[in-house]
Amino acid sequence: MSSNLSSSNNLRSWYPILAAVFCSLLLISNIGATKFIDFGPIKTDGGAFLFPLTYILGDVLTEVYGFKAARRIIYTGFGIGILAGLTFWLVQISPAAQGWENQAAFESILGFVPQIVAASVIAFLLGQLSNAWTLTWIKEKTAGKKYANKLWTRLIGSTVIGEFVDTLVFTLIASLGRLNFSEFLNYLATGYLYKTLFEVILLPVTYRVIATVKRHEGQLAS
């Protein structure tokens, strides 16, 4: 199968399932990211637990189905992120029921914070598009080159670019007025290194998942 959605129109395709998992990971991560976490000197947020998996899954989608198919899911995730932010905002401003005394707690965790919502959705969109575009670009540039056209070069190369764009944009927007310069650098460096190393360590798993999905979709592994 070529790098398009020809097989995703078939009921047997895993494309819709992978798309649903991708968007679910994004939504859960964005909610988790509302909490800043300190592991000793390392500053991060709750999104660190699952968010790197969206890049791994993004690599799988781009490698198997192509850039256009991956871009469609990225735009869908972007829309869901905005919808979630607006929904939490509507819930926040709605009158609390009599006897319900958790308004302050709700606002402190899920309350609409324009700065964080903007940081999340913009960083996600730019980072994921950079990741998918870089993987596709490397694949096209190394086509026909026996030693250069290796899957690991595409996966690591796209991760290095995509995660940097994502982490930089999110940290720049989210830290304004919330973190000092030292904390900003800590947050940026540890977040980027953690997410990049996470994907590199799970590279064998990514290989296996890509091979399995390609086999299911009737593609030859490359």
N, C-alpha and C. Protein backbone atom coordinates (compact mmCIF):
# COMPACT_ATOMS: atom_id res chain seq x y z
N MET A 1 0.83 -1.19 0.00
CA MET A 1 0.00 0.00 0.00
C MET A 1 0.87 1.24 0.00
N SER A 2 0.51 2.25 -0.77
CA SER A 2 1.26 3.50 -0.82
C SER A 2 0.93 4.31 0.41
N SER A 3 1.68 5.44 0.59
CA SER A 3 1.50 6.26 1.78
C SER A 3 0.27 7.13 1.64
N ASN A 4 -0.88 6.52 1.70
CA ASN A 4 -2.13 7.25 1.64
C ASN A 4 -3.17 6.51 2.47
N LEU A 5 -4.42 6.93 2.37
CA LEU A 5 -5.46 6.36 3.20
C LEU A 5 -6.30 5.32 2.48
N SER A 6 -5.76 4.69 1.43
CA SER A 6 -6.56 3.76 0.66
C SER A 6 -7.07 2.62 1.51
N SER A 7 -6.25 2.11 2.43
CA SER A 7 -6.70 0.99 3.25
C SER A 7 -7.49 1.44 4.47
N SER A 8 -7.37 2.75 4.83
CA SER A 8 -8.10 3.21 6.00
C SER A 8 -9.59 3.27 5.74
N ASN A 9 -10.00 3.24 4.47
CA ASN A 9 -11.40 3.21 4.13
C ASN A 9 -11.98 1.83 4.34
N ASN A 10 -11.12 0.85 4.51
CA ASN A 10 -11.55 -0.51 4.76
C ASN A 10 -11.85 -0.67 6.24
N LEU A 11 -12.89 -1.42 6.57
CA LEU A 11 -13.26 -1.59 7.96
C LEU A 11 -12.19 -2.31 8.76
N ARG A 12 -11.28 -2.98 8.10
CA ARG A 12 -10.22 -3.70 8.79
C ARG A 12 -9.07 -2.79 9.20
N SER A 13 -9.03 -1.61 8.67
CA SER A 13 -7.89 -0.73 8.94
C SER A 13 -7.84 -0.33 10.41
N TRP A 14 -6.62 -0.20 10.91
CA TRP A 14 -6.42 0.25 12.28
C TRP A 14 -6.31 1.76 12.38
N TYR A 15 -6.40 2.45 11.27
CA TYR A 15 -6.24 3.91 11.28
C TYR A 15 -7.22 4.61 12.22
N PRO A 16 -8.52 4.29 12.18
CA PRO A 16 -9.45 4.98 13.11
C PRO A 16 -9.12 4.69 14.57
N ILE A 17 -8.69 3.47 14.87
CA ILE A 17 -8.37 3.11 16.25
C ILE A 17 -7.15 3.89 16.73
N LEU A 18 -6.12 3.95 15.89
CA LEU A 18 -4.91 4.69 16.24
C LEU A 18 -5.21 6.17 16.40
N ALA A 19 -6.10 6.68 15.56
CA ALA A 19 -6.49 8.09 15.67
C ALA A 19 -7.18 8.36 17.00
N ALA A 20 -8.07 7.45 17.42
CA ALA A 20 -8.77 7.62 18.69
C ALA A 20 -7.81 7.56 19.87
N VAL A 21 -6.86 6.62 19.83
CA VAL A 21 -5.88 6.50 20.90
C VAL A 21 -5.00 7.75 20.97
N PHE A 22 -4.59 8.24 19.81
CA PHE A 22 -3.76 9.44 19.73
C PHE A 22 -4.46 10.63 20.39
N CYS A 23 -5.71 10.87 20.02
CA CYS A 23 -6.45 12.01 20.57
C CYS A 23 -6.72 11.83 22.06
N SER A 24 -6.94 10.58 22.49
CA SER A 24 -7.17 10.31 23.91
C SER A 24 -5.92 10.61 24.73
N LEU A 25 -4.76 10.17 24.24
CA LEU A 25 -3.50 10.45 24.93
C LEU A 25 -3.26 11.95 25.05
N LEU A 26 -3.59 12.67 23.98
CA LEU A 26 -3.41 14.12 23.99
C LEU A 26 -4.30 14.76 25.04
N LEU A 27 -5.57 14.37 25.07
CA LEU A 27 -6.52 14.99 26.00
C LEU A 27 -6.14 14.70 27.45
N ILE A 28 -5.79 13.45 27.74
CA ILE A 28 -5.40 13.08 29.11
C ILE A 28 -4.14 13.84 29.52
N SER A 29 -3.19 13.94 28.60
CA SER A 29 -1.94 14.63 28.90
C SER A 29 -2.16 16.11 29.17
N ASN A 30 -3.04 16.73 28.41
CA ASN A 30 -3.31 18.15 28.62
C ASN A 30 -3.95 18.42 29.98
N ILE A 31 -4.80 17.49 30.43
CA ILE A 31 -5.40 17.64 31.76
C ILE A 31 -4.32 17.44 32.82
N GLY A 32 -3.47 16.43 32.63
CA GLY A 32 -2.40 16.18 33.58
C GLY A 32 -1.40 17.31 33.65
N ALA A 33 -1.23 18.03 32.54
CA ALA A 33 -0.23 19.10 32.48
C ALA A 33 -0.61 20.31 33.32
N THR A 34 -1.83 20.33 33.89
CA THR A 34 -2.23 21.46 34.73
C THR A 34 -1.48 21.47 36.06
N LYS A 35 -0.85 20.33 36.38
CA LYS A 35 -0.09 20.25 37.64
C LYS A 35 1.41 20.27 37.36
N PHE A 36 2.12 21.22 37.94
CA PHE A 36 3.58 21.25 37.87
C PHE A 36 4.13 20.27 38.90
N ILE A 37 5.19 19.57 38.54
CA ILE A 37 5.77 18.54 39.41
C ILE A 37 7.27 18.78 39.54
N ASP A 38 7.77 18.62 40.75
CA ASP A 38 9.21 18.69 41.00
C ASP A 38 9.71 17.34 41.46
N PHE A 39 10.63 16.76 40.70
CA PHE A 39 11.34 15.56 41.12
C PHE A 39 12.75 16.01 41.50
N GLY A 40 12.90 16.40 42.77
CA GLY A 40 14.17 16.97 43.18
C GLY A 40 14.40 18.27 42.44
N PRO A 41 15.54 18.41 41.75
CA PRO A 41 15.82 19.65 41.01
C PRO A 41 15.13 19.71 39.64
N ILE A 42 14.47 18.63 39.27
CA ILE A 42 13.85 18.55 37.95
C ILE A 42 12.41 19.06 38.01
N LYS A 43 12.12 20.04 37.15
CA LYS A 43 10.77 20.60 37.10
C LYS A 43 10.07 20.12 35.83
N THR A 44 8.88 19.57 35.98
CA THR A 44 8.12 19.10 34.84
C THR A 44 6.64 19.27 35.15
N ASP A 45 5.77 18.60 34.42
CA ASP A 45 4.34 18.65 34.70
C ASP A 45 3.74 17.27 34.50
N GLY A 46 2.47 17.13 34.86
CA GLY A 46 1.82 15.83 34.79
C GLY A 46 1.67 15.26 33.40
N GLY A 47 1.81 16.10 32.39
CA GLY A 47 1.71 15.61 31.03
C GLY A 47 2.89 14.75 30.62
N ALA A 48 3.96 14.79 31.41
CA ALA A 48 5.18 14.05 31.06
C ALA A 48 4.97 12.54 31.06
N PHE A 49 3.95 12.05 31.75
CA PHE A 49 3.74 10.61 31.84
C PHE A 49 3.26 10.00 30.53
N LEU A 50 2.35 10.67 29.85
CA LEU A 50 1.76 10.10 28.64
C LEU A 50 2.07 10.87 27.36
N PHE A 51 2.36 12.15 27.47
CA PHE A 51 2.50 12.95 26.25
C PHE A 51 3.55 12.44 25.27
N PRO A 52 4.72 11.94 25.74
CA PRO A 52 5.69 11.42 24.77
C PRO A 52 5.13 10.31 23.88
N LEU A 53 4.10 9.61 24.38
CA LEU A 53 3.51 8.54 23.57
C LEU A 53 2.79 9.09 22.35
N THR A 54 2.33 10.36 22.43
CA THR A 54 1.68 10.93 21.25
C THR A 54 2.67 11.10 20.11
N TYR A 55 3.93 11.35 20.42
CA TYR A 55 4.95 11.48 19.38
C TYR A 55 5.33 10.12 18.81
N ILE A 56 5.37 9.12 19.67
CA ILE A 56 5.64 7.77 19.19
C ILE A 56 4.51 7.33 18.26
N LEU A 57 3.28 7.56 18.68
CA LEU A 57 2.14 7.19 17.85
C LEU A 57 2.09 8.05 16.59
N GLY A 58 2.50 9.32 16.71
CA GLY A 58 2.56 10.17 15.53
C GLY A 58 3.57 9.65 14.51
N ASP A 59 4.69 9.11 14.99
CA ASP A 59 5.68 8.49 14.09
C ASP A 59 5.08 7.28 13.39
N VAL A 60 4.34 6.48 14.14
CA VAL A 60 3.71 5.29 13.56
C VAL A 60 2.73 5.69 12.47
N LEU A 61 1.90 6.67 12.75
CA LEU A 61 0.89 7.12 11.78
C LEU A 61 1.54 7.69 10.53
N THR A 62 2.58 8.50 10.70
CA THR A 62 3.25 9.10 9.54
C THR A 62 3.97 8.06 8.72
N GLU A 63 4.67 7.16 9.38
CA GLU A 63 5.44 6.13 8.69
C GLU A 63 4.54 5.18 7.92
N VAL A 64 3.40 4.82 8.49
CA VAL A 64 2.51 3.84 7.86
C VAL A 64 1.55 4.48 6.87
N TYR A 65 0.91 5.58 7.27
CA TYR A 65 -0.17 6.14 6.46
C TYR A 65 0.22 7.38 5.67
N GLY A 66 1.36 7.97 5.99
CA GLY A 66 1.81 9.14 5.25
C GLY A 66 1.52 10.45 5.97
N PHE A 67 2.15 11.51 5.47
CA PHE A 67 2.06 12.82 6.13
C PHE A 67 0.64 13.38 6.13
N LYS A 68 -0.07 13.26 5.02
CA LYS A 68 -1.42 13.83 4.94
C LYS A 68 -2.36 13.18 5.95
N ALA A 69 -2.25 11.85 6.08
CA ALA A 69 -3.10 11.13 7.03
C ALA A 69 -2.76 11.52 8.46
N ALA A 70 -1.47 11.62 8.77
CA ALA A 70 -1.05 12.02 10.11
C ALA A 70 -1.49 13.45 10.39
N ARG A 71 -1.36 14.32 9.40
CA ARG A 71 -1.75 15.72 9.57
C ARG A 71 -3.24 15.84 9.89
N ARG A 72 -4.04 14.99 9.29
CA ARG A 72 -5.48 15.01 9.55
C ARG A 72 -5.76 14.72 11.02
N ILE A 73 -5.05 13.75 11.59
CA ILE A 73 -5.25 13.42 13.00
C ILE A 73 -4.71 14.53 13.89
N ILE A 74 -3.59 15.13 13.50
CA ILE A 74 -3.02 16.24 14.28
C ILE A 74 -4.01 17.39 14.35
N TYR A 75 -4.63 17.72 13.22
CA TYR A 75 -5.62 18.80 13.22
C TYR A 75 -6.83 18.42 14.09
N THR A 76 -7.20 17.14 14.06
CA THR A 76 -8.32 16.68 14.88
C THR A 76 -7.98 16.83 16.36
N GLY A 77 -6.77 16.41 16.73
CA GLY A 77 -6.33 16.57 18.11
C GLY A 77 -6.28 18.01 18.54
N PHE A 78 -5.86 18.89 17.63
CA PHE A 78 -5.81 20.32 17.90
C PHE A 78 -7.22 20.84 18.20
N GLY A 79 -8.17 20.41 17.38
CA GLY A 79 -9.56 20.84 17.59
C GLY A 79 -10.12 20.32 18.90
N ILE A 80 -9.80 19.08 19.25
CA ILE A 80 -10.28 18.51 20.51
C ILE A 80 -9.68 19.26 21.70
N GLY A 81 -8.42 19.65 21.59
CA GLY A 81 -7.79 20.41 22.66
C GLY A 81 -8.49 21.74 22.91
N ILE A 82 -8.85 22.42 21.83
CA ILE A 82 -9.58 23.68 21.96
C ILE A 82 -10.97 23.44 22.53
N LEU A 83 -11.65 22.39 22.03
CA LEU A 83 -12.98 22.06 22.53
C LEU A 83 -12.96 21.76 24.02
N ALA A 84 -11.94 21.02 24.47
CA ALA A 84 -11.83 20.69 25.89
C ALA A 84 -11.66 21.96 26.72
N GLY A 85 -10.79 22.86 26.27
CA GLY A 85 -10.57 24.11 26.99
C GLY A 85 -11.84 24.93 27.10
N LEU A 86 -12.58 25.03 25.99
CA LEU A 86 -13.83 25.81 26.00
C LEU A 86 -14.88 25.16 26.88
N THR A 87 -14.92 23.81 26.86
CA THR A 87 -15.90 23.09 27.68
C THR A 87 -15.63 23.31 29.16
N PHE A 88 -14.37 23.19 29.56
CA PHE A 88 -14.04 23.42 30.97
C PHE A 88 -14.34 24.86 31.38
N TRP A 89 -14.17 25.78 30.45
CA TRP A 89 -14.48 27.19 30.74
C TRP A 89 -15.98 27.38 30.96
N LEU A 90 -16.80 26.75 30.11
CA LEU A 90 -18.25 26.85 30.25
C LEU A 90 -18.71 26.23 31.58
N VAL A 91 -18.12 25.09 31.92
CA VAL A 91 -18.46 24.46 33.20
C VAL A 91 -18.04 25.36 34.35
N GLN A 92 -16.90 25.99 34.22
CA GLN A 92 -16.36 26.85 35.28
C GLN A 92 -17.28 28.05 35.55
N ILE A 93 -17.78 28.67 34.50
CA ILE A 93 -18.59 29.88 34.69
C ILE A 93 -20.06 29.58 34.94
N SER A 94 -20.46 28.32 34.79
CA SER A 94 -21.86 27.97 35.06
C SER A 94 -22.13 28.01 36.56
N PRO A 95 -23.33 28.45 36.95
CA PRO A 95 -23.65 28.54 38.38
C PRO A 95 -23.56 27.17 39.05
N ALA A 96 -22.89 27.12 40.18
CA ALA A 96 -22.76 25.87 40.92
C ALA A 96 -24.09 25.50 41.57
N ALA A 97 -24.37 24.21 41.63
CA ALA A 97 -25.59 23.75 42.26
C ALA A 97 -25.55 24.04 43.76
N GLN A 98 -26.71 24.24 44.34
CA GLN A 98 -26.79 24.52 45.77
C GLN A 98 -26.21 23.34 46.56
N GLY A 99 -25.32 23.64 47.46
CA GLY A 99 -24.72 22.59 48.27
C GLY A 99 -23.43 22.04 47.69
N TRP A 100 -23.14 22.39 46.45
CA TRP A 100 -21.87 21.92 45.84
C TRP A 100 -20.78 22.93 46.19
N GLU A 101 -19.80 22.48 46.95
CA GLU A 101 -18.82 23.40 47.51
C GLU A 101 -17.43 23.21 46.93
N ASN A 102 -17.34 22.69 45.73
CA ASN A 102 -16.03 22.39 45.15
C ASN A 102 -15.65 23.30 43.99
N GLN A 103 -16.28 24.48 43.91
CA GLN A 103 -15.99 25.39 42.80
C GLN A 103 -14.52 25.80 42.77
N ALA A 104 -13.99 26.16 43.93
CA ALA A 104 -12.59 26.59 43.99
C ALA A 104 -11.65 25.45 43.60
N ALA A 105 -11.98 24.25 44.05
CA ALA A 105 -11.15 23.08 43.71
C ALA A 105 -11.21 22.80 42.21
N PHE A 106 -12.41 22.92 41.63
CA PHE A 106 -12.55 22.69 40.20
C PHE A 106 -11.73 23.70 39.41
N GLU A 107 -11.83 24.96 39.80
CA GLU A 107 -11.12 26.02 39.09
C GLU A 107 -9.61 25.86 39.22
N SER A 108 -9.15 25.38 40.36
CA SER A 108 -7.70 25.24 40.56
C SER A 108 -7.11 24.11 39.73
N ILE A 109 -7.92 23.11 39.37
CA ILE A 109 -7.43 21.97 38.59
C ILE A 109 -7.82 22.06 37.12
N LEU A 110 -9.11 22.23 36.86
CA LEU A 110 -9.60 22.21 35.49
C LEU A 110 -10.10 23.56 35.01
N GLY A 111 -9.92 24.58 35.83
CA GLY A 111 -10.37 25.90 35.42
C GLY A 111 -9.68 26.37 34.15
N PHE A 112 -10.42 27.12 33.36
CA PHE A 112 -9.89 27.59 32.07
C PHE A 112 -8.79 28.62 32.32
N VAL A 113 -7.58 28.26 31.94
CA VAL A 113 -6.44 29.17 32.03
C VAL A 113 -5.96 29.43 30.60
N PRO A 114 -6.35 30.56 30.01
CA PRO A 114 -6.03 30.82 28.61
C PRO A 114 -4.56 30.62 28.27
N GLN A 115 -3.69 31.00 29.17
CA GLN A 115 -2.25 30.88 28.92
C GLN A 115 -1.84 29.42 28.73
N ILE A 116 -2.34 28.53 29.60
CA ILE A 116 -1.97 27.12 29.52
C ILE A 116 -2.64 26.45 28.34
N VAL A 117 -3.90 26.78 28.09
CA VAL A 117 -4.61 26.21 26.95
C VAL A 117 -3.91 26.60 25.65
N ALA A 118 -3.56 27.88 25.54
CA ALA A 118 -2.86 28.34 24.33
C ALA A 118 -1.52 27.65 24.19
N ALA A 119 -0.79 27.54 25.29
CA ALA A 119 0.52 26.87 25.25
C ALA A 119 0.38 25.43 24.79
N SER A 120 -0.61 24.73 25.30
CA SER A 120 -0.80 23.32 24.99
C SER A 120 -1.15 23.09 23.52
N VAL A 121 -2.16 23.79 23.04
CA VAL A 121 -2.65 23.52 21.69
C VAL A 121 -1.69 24.02 20.62
N ILE A 122 -1.07 25.19 20.84
CA ILE A 122 -0.14 25.73 19.85
C ILE A 122 1.12 24.88 19.79
N ALA A 123 1.66 24.52 20.96
CA ALA A 123 2.86 23.69 21.00
C ALA A 123 2.60 22.33 20.38
N PHE A 124 1.45 21.75 20.70
CA PHE A 124 1.09 20.45 20.12
C PHE A 124 1.03 20.52 18.61
N LEU A 125 0.32 21.52 18.09
CA LEU A 125 0.15 21.63 16.64
C LEU A 125 1.49 21.80 15.93
N LEU A 126 2.30 22.74 16.39
CA LEU A 126 3.57 23.01 15.73
C LEU A 126 4.55 21.85 15.92
N GLY A 127 4.57 21.27 17.11
CA GLY A 127 5.48 20.17 17.38
C GLY A 127 5.15 18.92 16.58
N GLN A 128 3.88 18.56 16.55
CA GLN A 128 3.47 17.36 15.82
C GLN A 128 3.64 17.52 14.31
N LEU A 129 3.31 18.70 13.79
CA LEU A 129 3.50 18.93 12.35
C LEU A 129 4.99 18.89 12.01
N SER A 130 5.83 19.46 12.86
CA SER A 130 7.28 19.41 12.64
C SER A 130 7.79 17.97 12.67
N ASN A 131 7.27 17.20 13.62
CA ASN A 131 7.66 15.79 13.75
C ASN A 131 7.30 15.01 12.49
N ALA A 132 6.04 15.14 12.05
CA ALA A 132 5.57 14.40 10.88
C ALA A 132 6.28 14.86 9.61
N TRP A 133 6.45 16.17 9.47
CA TRP A 133 7.11 16.69 8.27
C TRP A 133 8.57 16.24 8.21
N THR A 134 9.27 16.27 9.34
CA THR A 134 10.68 15.88 9.37
C THR A 134 10.84 14.40 9.02
N LEU A 135 9.97 13.55 9.58
CA LEU A 135 10.05 12.12 9.26
C LEU A 135 9.85 11.89 7.77
N THR A 136 8.85 12.56 7.20
CA THR A 136 8.58 12.42 5.77
C THR A 136 9.74 12.96 4.93
N TRP A 137 10.30 14.09 5.33
CA TRP A 137 11.41 14.71 4.60
C TRP A 137 12.63 13.81 4.59
N ILE A 138 12.97 13.24 5.75
CA ILE A 138 14.11 12.33 5.82
C ILE A 138 13.88 11.11 4.95
N LYS A 139 12.66 10.59 4.98
CA LYS A 139 12.33 9.41 4.18
C LYS A 139 12.50 9.69 2.69
N GLU A 140 12.05 10.87 2.25
CA GLU A 140 12.16 11.23 0.84
C GLU A 140 13.61 11.50 0.45
N LYS A 141 14.36 12.17 1.30
CA LYS A 141 15.74 12.52 0.99
C LYS A 141 16.67 11.31 0.97
N THR A 142 16.34 10.28 1.74
CA THR A 142 17.20 9.10 1.80
C THR A 142 16.70 7.95 0.94
N ALA A 143 15.63 8.18 0.21
CA ALA A 143 15.09 7.11 -0.64
C ALA A 143 16.13 6.63 -1.63
N GLY A 144 16.31 5.31 -1.69
CA GLY A 144 17.25 4.73 -2.64
C GLY A 144 18.67 4.64 -2.11
N LYS A 145 18.93 5.22 -0.96
CA LYS A 145 20.26 5.15 -0.37
C LYS A 145 20.29 4.00 0.63
N LYS A 146 21.05 3.00 0.31
CA LYS A 146 21.02 1.74 1.04
C LYS A 146 21.26 1.90 2.52
N TYR A 147 22.25 2.67 2.89
CA TYR A 147 22.61 2.77 4.30
C TYR A 147 21.94 3.94 5.02
N ALA A 148 21.50 4.92 4.26
CA ALA A 148 20.89 6.10 4.88
C ALA A 148 19.41 5.92 5.15
N ASN A 149 18.73 5.15 4.30
CA ASN A 149 17.28 5.02 4.41
C ASN A 149 16.92 3.99 5.49
N LYS A 150 17.19 4.33 6.71
CA LYS A 150 16.92 3.46 7.84
C LYS A 150 15.81 4.07 8.69
N LEU A 151 14.96 3.21 9.23
CA LEU A 151 13.84 3.68 10.02
C LEU A 151 14.30 4.46 11.25
N TRP A 152 15.37 4.02 11.88
CA TRP A 152 15.80 4.70 13.10
C TRP A 152 16.24 6.14 12.84
N THR A 153 16.79 6.41 11.65
CA THR A 153 17.18 7.79 11.35
C THR A 153 15.95 8.69 11.23
N ARG A 154 14.88 8.15 10.69
CA ARG A 154 13.66 8.92 10.55
C ARG A 154 13.01 9.16 11.91
N LEU A 155 12.96 8.12 12.73
CA LEU A 155 12.31 8.23 14.02
C LEU A 155 13.05 9.17 14.96
N ILE A 156 14.37 9.01 15.05
CA ILE A 156 15.14 9.86 15.95
C ILE A 156 15.21 11.29 15.43
N GLY A 157 15.42 11.43 14.11
CA GLY A 157 15.50 12.77 13.52
C GLY A 157 14.22 13.56 13.73
N SER A 158 13.07 12.91 13.53
CA SER A 158 11.80 13.60 13.70
C SER A 158 11.54 13.92 15.17
N THR A 159 11.97 13.02 16.05
CA THR A 159 11.80 13.25 17.48
C THR A 159 12.60 14.46 17.95
N VAL A 160 13.86 14.54 17.53
CA VAL A 160 14.73 15.64 17.94
C VAL A 160 14.12 16.99 17.54
N ILE A 161 13.60 17.08 16.33
CA ILE A 161 13.01 18.33 15.85
C ILE A 161 11.65 18.59 16.48
N GLY A 162 10.77 17.60 16.39
CA GLY A 162 9.40 17.78 16.87
C GLY A 162 9.31 18.09 18.35
N GLU A 163 10.06 17.32 19.17
CA GLU A 163 10.01 17.54 20.61
C GLU A 163 10.62 18.89 20.99
N PHE A 164 11.64 19.32 20.25
CA PHE A 164 12.24 20.63 20.56
C PHE A 164 11.25 21.75 20.28
N VAL A 165 10.60 21.69 19.14
CA VAL A 165 9.61 22.73 18.80
C VAL A 165 8.49 22.73 19.83
N ASP A 166 7.97 21.56 20.14
CA ASP A 166 6.87 21.44 21.10
C ASP A 166 7.27 21.99 22.46
N THR A 167 8.40 21.53 22.98
CA THR A 167 8.82 21.93 24.33
C THR A 167 9.14 23.41 24.40
N LEU A 168 9.81 23.93 23.37
CA LEU A 168 10.17 25.34 23.36
C LEU A 168 8.93 26.23 23.34
N VAL A 169 7.99 25.92 22.44
CA VAL A 169 6.79 26.75 22.32
C VAL A 169 5.95 26.68 23.60
N PHE A 170 5.75 25.46 24.12
CA PHE A 170 4.94 25.33 25.34
C PHE A 170 5.59 26.06 26.51
N THR A 171 6.90 25.87 26.67
CA THR A 171 7.59 26.48 27.80
C THR A 171 7.58 28.00 27.71
N LEU A 172 7.77 28.53 26.50
CA LEU A 172 7.76 29.98 26.32
C LEU A 172 6.42 30.58 26.71
N ILE A 173 5.35 29.96 26.25
CA ILE A 173 4.02 30.52 26.50
C ILE A 173 3.58 30.26 27.94
N ALA A 174 3.76 29.02 28.41
CA ALA A 174 3.25 28.63 29.73
C ALA A 174 4.01 29.29 30.87
N SER A 175 5.29 29.60 30.66
CA SER A 175 6.11 30.10 31.76
C SER A 175 6.04 31.61 31.95
N LEU A 176 5.45 32.33 30.98
CA LEU A 176 5.38 33.79 31.08
C LEU A 176 4.63 34.21 32.34
N GLY A 177 5.32 34.90 33.23
CA GLY A 177 4.71 35.37 34.46
C GLY A 177 4.54 34.31 35.52
N ARG A 178 4.97 33.08 35.23
CA ARG A 178 4.79 31.98 36.18
C ARG A 178 6.13 31.42 36.67
N LEU A 179 7.15 31.47 35.81
CA LEU A 179 8.46 30.94 36.17
C LEU A 179 9.52 32.01 35.94
N ASN A 180 10.55 31.99 36.77
CA ASN A 180 11.67 32.90 36.52
C ASN A 180 12.58 32.29 35.45
N PHE A 181 13.63 33.01 35.03
CA PHE A 181 14.44 32.56 33.92
C PHE A 181 15.14 31.23 34.22
N SER A 182 15.63 31.07 35.44
CA SER A 182 16.30 29.83 35.83
C SER A 182 15.33 28.65 35.78
N GLU A 183 14.12 28.86 36.29
CA GLU A 183 13.11 27.79 36.26
C GLU A 183 12.70 27.50 34.82
N PHE A 184 12.64 28.55 33.99
CA PHE A 184 12.30 28.37 32.58
C PHE A 184 13.32 27.46 31.89
N LEU A 185 14.60 27.73 32.10
CA LEU A 185 15.64 26.91 31.48
C LEU A 185 15.60 25.48 31.98
N ASN A 186 15.36 25.31 33.27
CA ASN A 186 15.25 23.98 33.86
C ASN A 186 14.08 23.22 33.23
N TYR A 187 12.95 23.88 33.15
CA TYR A 187 11.73 23.28 32.59
C TYR A 187 11.94 22.90 31.13
N LEU A 188 12.58 23.79 30.38
CA LEU A 188 12.82 23.55 28.96
C LEU A 188 13.80 22.39 28.76
N ALA A 189 14.92 22.45 29.45
CA ALA A 189 15.97 21.43 29.25
C ALA A 189 15.53 20.06 29.71
N THR A 190 14.97 19.98 30.92
CA THR A 190 14.59 18.67 31.43
C THR A 190 13.41 18.08 30.64
N GLY A 191 12.46 18.94 30.26
CA GLY A 191 11.33 18.46 29.48
C GLY A 191 11.76 17.91 28.14
N TYR A 192 12.64 18.64 27.46
CA TYR A 192 13.10 18.21 26.15
C TYR A 192 13.93 16.93 26.23
N LEU A 193 14.87 16.89 27.15
CA LEU A 193 15.73 15.72 27.29
C LEU A 193 14.93 14.49 27.69
N TYR A 194 14.00 14.68 28.63
CA TYR A 194 13.20 13.55 29.09
C TYR A 194 12.37 12.96 27.96
N LYS A 195 11.63 13.81 27.25
CA LYS A 195 10.75 13.31 26.20
C LYS A 195 11.53 12.70 25.04
N THR A 196 12.69 13.28 24.71
CA THR A 196 13.51 12.74 23.63
C THR A 196 14.11 11.40 24.02
N LEU A 197 14.66 11.31 25.22
CA LEU A 197 15.24 10.05 25.68
C LEU A 197 14.18 8.97 25.83
N PHE A 198 13.00 9.38 26.26
CA PHE A 198 11.88 8.44 26.41
C PHE A 198 11.59 7.76 25.08
N GLU A 199 11.55 8.53 24.02
CA GLU A 199 11.27 7.97 22.70
C GLU A 199 12.41 7.13 22.18
N VAL A 200 13.64 7.55 22.46
CA VAL A 200 14.80 6.78 22.01
C VAL A 200 14.83 5.42 22.71
N ILE A 201 14.57 5.41 24.01
CA ILE A 201 14.56 4.16 24.76
C ILE A 201 13.48 3.21 24.25
N LEU A 202 12.35 3.77 23.86
CA LEU A 202 11.25 2.94 23.37
C LEU A 202 11.32 2.68 21.87
N LEU A 203 12.46 2.99 21.26
CA LEU A 203 12.61 2.80 19.82
C LEU A 203 12.34 1.36 19.39
N PRO A 204 12.83 0.35 20.12
CA PRO A 204 12.53 -1.04 19.72
C PRO A 204 11.03 -1.34 19.72
N VAL A 205 10.32 -0.74 20.68
CA VAL A 205 8.87 -0.94 20.73
C VAL A 205 8.21 -0.27 19.53
N THR A 206 8.68 0.94 19.20
CA THR A 206 8.14 1.66 18.05
C THR A 206 8.37 0.86 16.77
N TYR A 207 9.55 0.29 16.63
CA TYR A 207 9.87 -0.56 15.47
C TYR A 207 8.84 -1.68 15.35
N ARG A 208 8.60 -2.36 16.47
CA ARG A 208 7.69 -3.51 16.45
C ARG A 208 6.26 -3.09 16.11
N VAL A 209 5.83 -1.96 16.69
CA VAL A 209 4.47 -1.47 16.42
C VAL A 209 4.32 -1.10 14.95
N ILE A 210 5.31 -0.39 14.39
CA ILE A 210 5.24 -0.01 12.98
C ILE A 210 5.19 -1.24 12.09
N ALA A 211 6.03 -2.23 12.39
CA ALA A 211 6.05 -3.46 11.58
C ALA A 211 4.71 -4.18 11.66
N THR A 212 4.12 -4.22 12.86
CA THR A 212 2.84 -4.90 13.04
C THR A 212 1.73 -4.20 12.28
N VAL A 213 1.69 -2.85 12.38
CA VAL A 213 0.65 -2.09 11.70
C VAL A 213 0.82 -2.19 10.18
N LYS A 214 2.06 -2.10 9.71
CA LYS A 214 2.31 -2.23 8.27
C LYS A 214 1.86 -3.59 7.76
N ARG A 215 2.16 -4.61 8.53
CA ARG A 215 1.77 -5.96 8.11
C ARG A 215 0.26 -6.08 8.06
N HIS A 216 -0.41 -5.50 9.05
CA HIS A 216 -1.87 -5.55 9.07
C HIS A 216 -2.47 -4.80 7.90
N GLU A 217 -1.84 -3.67 7.54
CA GLU A 217 -2.36 -2.83 6.46
C GLU A 217 -1.87 -3.30 5.08
N GLY A 218 -1.14 -4.40 5.05
CA GLY A 218 -0.71 -4.96 3.77
C GLY A 218 0.48 -4.26 3.16
N GLN A 219 1.31 -3.63 4.00
CA GLN A 219 2.51 -2.97 3.51
C GLN A 219 3.73 -3.82 3.82
N LEU A 220 4.79 -3.57 3.04
CA LEU A 220 6.06 -4.21 3.32
C LEU A 220 6.84 -3.33 4.27
N ALA A 221 7.41 -3.91 5.31
CA ALA A 221 8.20 -3.15 6.27
C ALA A 221 9.44 -2.61 5.60
N SER A 222 9.84 -1.38 5.99
CA SER A 222 11.06 -0.77 5.41
C SER A 222 11.82 -0.04 6.47
